Amino acid sequence: MKREDSTKTALTKKDISDTLNEFFGKQIEPRFDNIDKKLEEHDKKFNDLSSHFDQIYNRLDRLETEYFTIIVLLVYRGLKNNWLALKRNWIRKLPLGNA
């Protein structure tokens, strides 16, 4: 067997570096770019969803506030009506010179 010349087959650091850079540029980097793009799309969808839940929460908070306001008004009117009825009954029972 004939032995090849070592100067023709020897790889230099530059050759290895160039080969790895080319491999990275053609194979690895596009995949990372795709992953980054999908992550950005996911983040946008998540932010939209989060914003939607914030809007729902604000509406529910407003509804809760209105609900408690209505309850307080109903209780106040109920107490006021009961108080007025008690007051009328009490005044009717007072002896006002009817004796």
C-alpha atoms as a PDB file:
ATOM      1  CA  MET A   1       0.000   0.000   0.000  1.00  0.00           C
ATOM      2  CA  LYS A   2       1.099   3.412  -0.842  1.00  0.00           C
ATOM      3  CA  ARG A   3       1.179   5.907   1.974  1.00  0.00           C
ATOM      4  CA  GLU A   4      -0.481   9.265   1.283  1.00  0.00           C
ATOM      5  CA  ASP A   5       1.367  12.477   1.754  1.00  0.00           C
ATOM      6  CA  SER A   6       0.608  13.826   5.224  1.00  0.00           C
ATOM      7  CA  THR A   7       0.477  17.443   3.999  1.00  0.00           C
ATOM      8  CA  LYS A   8      -2.530  16.696   1.790  1.00  0.00           C
ATOM      9  CA  THR A   9      -4.621  15.005   4.486  1.00  0.00           C
ATOM     10  CA  ALA A  10      -3.700  17.045   7.508  1.00  0.00           C
ATOM     11  CA  LEU A  11      -6.553  19.157   8.827  1.00  0.00           C
ATOM     12  CA  THR A  12      -5.823  22.497  10.335  1.00  0.00           C
ATOM     13  CA  LYS A  13      -7.718  24.203  13.100  1.00  0.00           C
ATOM     14  CA  LYS A  14      -8.973  26.691  10.532  1.00  0.00           C
ATOM     15  CA  ASP A  15     -10.405  23.886   8.385  1.00  0.00           C
ATOM     16  CA  ILE A  16     -12.209  22.361  11.353  1.00  0.00           C
ATOM     17  CA  SER A  17     -13.455  25.771  12.477  1.00  0.00           C
ATOM     18  CA  ASP A  18     -14.696  26.628   8.989  1.00  0.00           C
ATOM     19  CA  THR A  19     -16.447  23.274   8.678  1.00  0.00           C
ATOM     20  CA  LEU A  20     -18.121  23.629  12.067  1.00  0.00           C
ATOM     21  CA  ASN A  21     -19.187  27.206  11.294  1.00  0.00           C
ATOM     22  CA  GLU A  22     -20.677  26.094   7.980  1.00  0.00           C
ATOM     23  CA  PHE A  23     -22.492  23.201   9.680  1.00  0.00           C
ATOM     24  CA  PHE A  24     -23.798  25.515  12.380  1.00  0.00           C
ATOM     25  CA  GLY A  25     -24.935  28.097   9.809  1.00  0.00           C
ATOM     26  CA  LYS A  26     -26.734  25.595   7.594  1.00  0.00           C
ATOM     27  CA  GLN A  27     -28.078  23.041  10.069  1.00  0.00           C
ATOM     28  CA  ILE A  28     -28.229  24.302  13.640  1.00  0.00           C
ATOM     29  CA  GLU A  29     -28.939  28.044  13.362  1.00  0.00           C
ATOM     30  CA  PRO A  30     -32.101  27.683  11.218  1.00  0.00           C
ATOM     31  CA  ARG A  31     -33.529  25.274  13.767  1.00  0.00           C
ATOM     32  CA  PHE A  32     -32.865  27.709  16.602  1.00  0.00           C
ATOM     33  CA  ASP A  33     -34.450  30.468  14.527  1.00  0.00           C
ATOM     34  CA  ASN A  34     -37.562  28.309  14.096  1.00  0.00           C
ATOM     35  CA  ILE A  35     -37.660  27.604  17.820  1.00  0.00           C
ATOM     36  CA  ASP A  36     -37.305  31.326  18.597  1.00  0.00           C
ATOM     37  CA  LYS A  37     -40.118  32.140  16.165  1.00  0.00           C
ATOM     38  CA  LYS A  38     -42.425  29.577  17.752  1.00  0.00           C
ATOM     39  CA  LEU A  39     -41.582  30.860  21.234  1.00  0.00           C
ATOM     40  CA  GLU A  40     -42.408  34.414  20.172  1.00  0.00           C
ATOM     41  CA  GLU A  41     -45.752  33.217  18.752  1.00  0.00           C
ATOM     42  CA  HIS A  42     -46.428  31.366  22.000  1.00  0.00           C
ATOM     43  CA  ASP A  43     -45.564  34.438  24.064  1.00  0.00           C
ATOM     44  CA  LYS A  44     -47.917  36.575  21.969  1.00  0.00           C
ATOM     45  CA  LYS A  45     -50.757  34.070  22.382  1.00  0.00           C
ATOM     46  CA  PHE A  46     -50.079  33.833  26.110  1.00  0.00           C
ATOM     47  CA  ASN A  47     -50.098  37.634  26.464  1.00  0.00           C
ATOM     48  CA  ASP A  48     -53.390  37.794  24.554  1.00  0.00           C
ATOM     49  CA  LEU A  49     -54.877  35.136  26.812  1.00  0.00           C
ATOM     50  CA  SER A  50     -53.570  36.845  29.928  1.00  0.00           C
ATOM     51  CA  SER A  51     -55.057  40.151  28.770  1.00  0.00           C
ATOM     52  CA  HIS A  52     -58.380  38.429  28.129  1.00  0.00           C
ATOM     53  CA  PHE A  53     -58.428  36.980  31.661  1.00  0.00           C
ATOM     54  CA  ASP A  54     -57.574  40.408  33.089  1.00  0.00           C
ATOM     55  CA  GLN A  55     -60.582  41.876  31.275  1.00  0.00           C
ATOM     56  CA  ILE A  56     -62.841  39.114  32.587  1.00  0.00           C
ATOM     57  CA  TYR A  57     -61.520  39.628  36.116  1.00  0.00           C
ATOM     58  CA  ASN A  58     -62.210  43.376  35.917  1.00  0.00           C
ATOM     59  CA  ARG A  59     -65.764  42.749  34.712  1.00  0.00           C
ATOM     60  CA  LEU A  60     -66.384  40.209  37.467  1.00  0.00           C
ATOM     61  CA  ASP A  61     -64.999  42.640  40.030  1.00  0.00           C
ATOM     62  CA  ARG A  62     -67.349  45.347  38.757  1.00  0.00           C
ATOM     63  CA  LEU A  63     -70.296  42.911  38.864  1.00  0.00           C
ATOM     64  CA  GLU A  64     -69.398  41.913  42.414  1.00  0.00           C
ATOM     65  CA  THR A  65     -69.275  45.559  43.464  1.00  0.00           C
ATOM     66  CA  GLU A  66     -72.668  46.222  41.861  1.00  0.00           C
ATOM     67  CA  TYR A  67     -74.111  43.091  43.477  1.00  0.00           C
ATOM     68  CA  PHE A  68     -73.040  44.144  46.963  1.00  0.00           C
ATOM     69  CA  THR A  69     -74.308  47.677  46.349  1.00  0.00           C
ATOM     70  CA  ILE A  70     -77.726  46.282  45.424  1.00  0.00           C
ATOM     71  CA  ILE A  71     -77.738  43.994  48.472  1.00  0.00           C
ATOM     72  CA  VAL A  72     -76.884  46.906  50.775  1.00  0.00           C
ATOM     73  CA  LEU A  73     -79.668  49.016  49.255  1.00  0.00           C
ATOM     74  CA  LEU A  74     -82.194  46.196  49.610  1.00  0.00           C
ATOM     75  CA  VAL A  75     -81.189  45.577  53.205  1.00  0.00           C
ATOM     76  CA  TYR A  76     -81.318  49.316  53.939  1.00  0.00           C
ATOM     77  CA  ARG A  77     -84.796  49.631  52.393  1.00  0.00           C
ATOM     78  CA  GLY A  78     -85.951  46.514  54.214  1.00  0.00           C
ATOM     79  CA  LEU A  79     -84.673  47.849  57.545  1.00  0.00           C
ATOM     80  CA  LYS A  80     -86.115  51.283  56.837  1.00  0.00           C
ATOM     81  CA  ASN A  81     -89.533  49.804  55.989  1.00  0.00           C
ATOM     82  CA  ASN A  82     -89.425  47.570  59.064  1.00  0.00           C
ATOM     83  CA  TRP A  83     -88.387  50.507  61.221  1.00  0.00           C
ATOM     84  CA  LEU A  84     -91.206  52.649  59.832  1.00  0.00           C
ATOM     85  CA  ALA A  85     -93.721  49.847  60.441  1.00  0.00           C
ATOM     86  CA  LEU A  86     -92.475  49.412  64.005  1.00  0.00           C
ATOM     87  CA  LYS A  87     -92.588  53.161  64.542  1.00  0.00           C
ATOM     88  CA  ARG A  88     -96.209  53.358  63.244  1.00  0.00           C
ATOM     89  CA  ASN A  89     -97.274  50.485  65.473  1.00  0.00           C
ATOM     90  CA  TRP A  90     -95.546  52.022  68.430  1.00  0.00           C
ATOM     91  CA  ILE A  91     -97.178  55.434  67.803  1.00  0.00           C
ATOM     92  CA  ARG A  92    -100.621  53.823  67.507  1.00  0.00           C
ATOM     93  CA  LYS A  93    -100.160  52.162  70.862  1.00  0.00           C
ATOM     94  CA  LEU A  94     -99.164  55.371  72.604  1.00  0.00           C
ATOM     95  CA  PRO A  95    -101.851  56.890  74.788  1.00  0.00           C
ATOM     96  CA  LEU A  96    -102.292  60.352  73.325  1.00  0.00           C
ATOM     97  CA  GLY A  97    -104.994  61.627  75.543  1.00  0.00           C
ATOM     98  CA  ASN A  98    -107.499  59.044  74.355  1.00  0.00           C
ATOM     99  CA  ALA A  99    -108.221  57.995  77.898  1.00  0.00           C
END
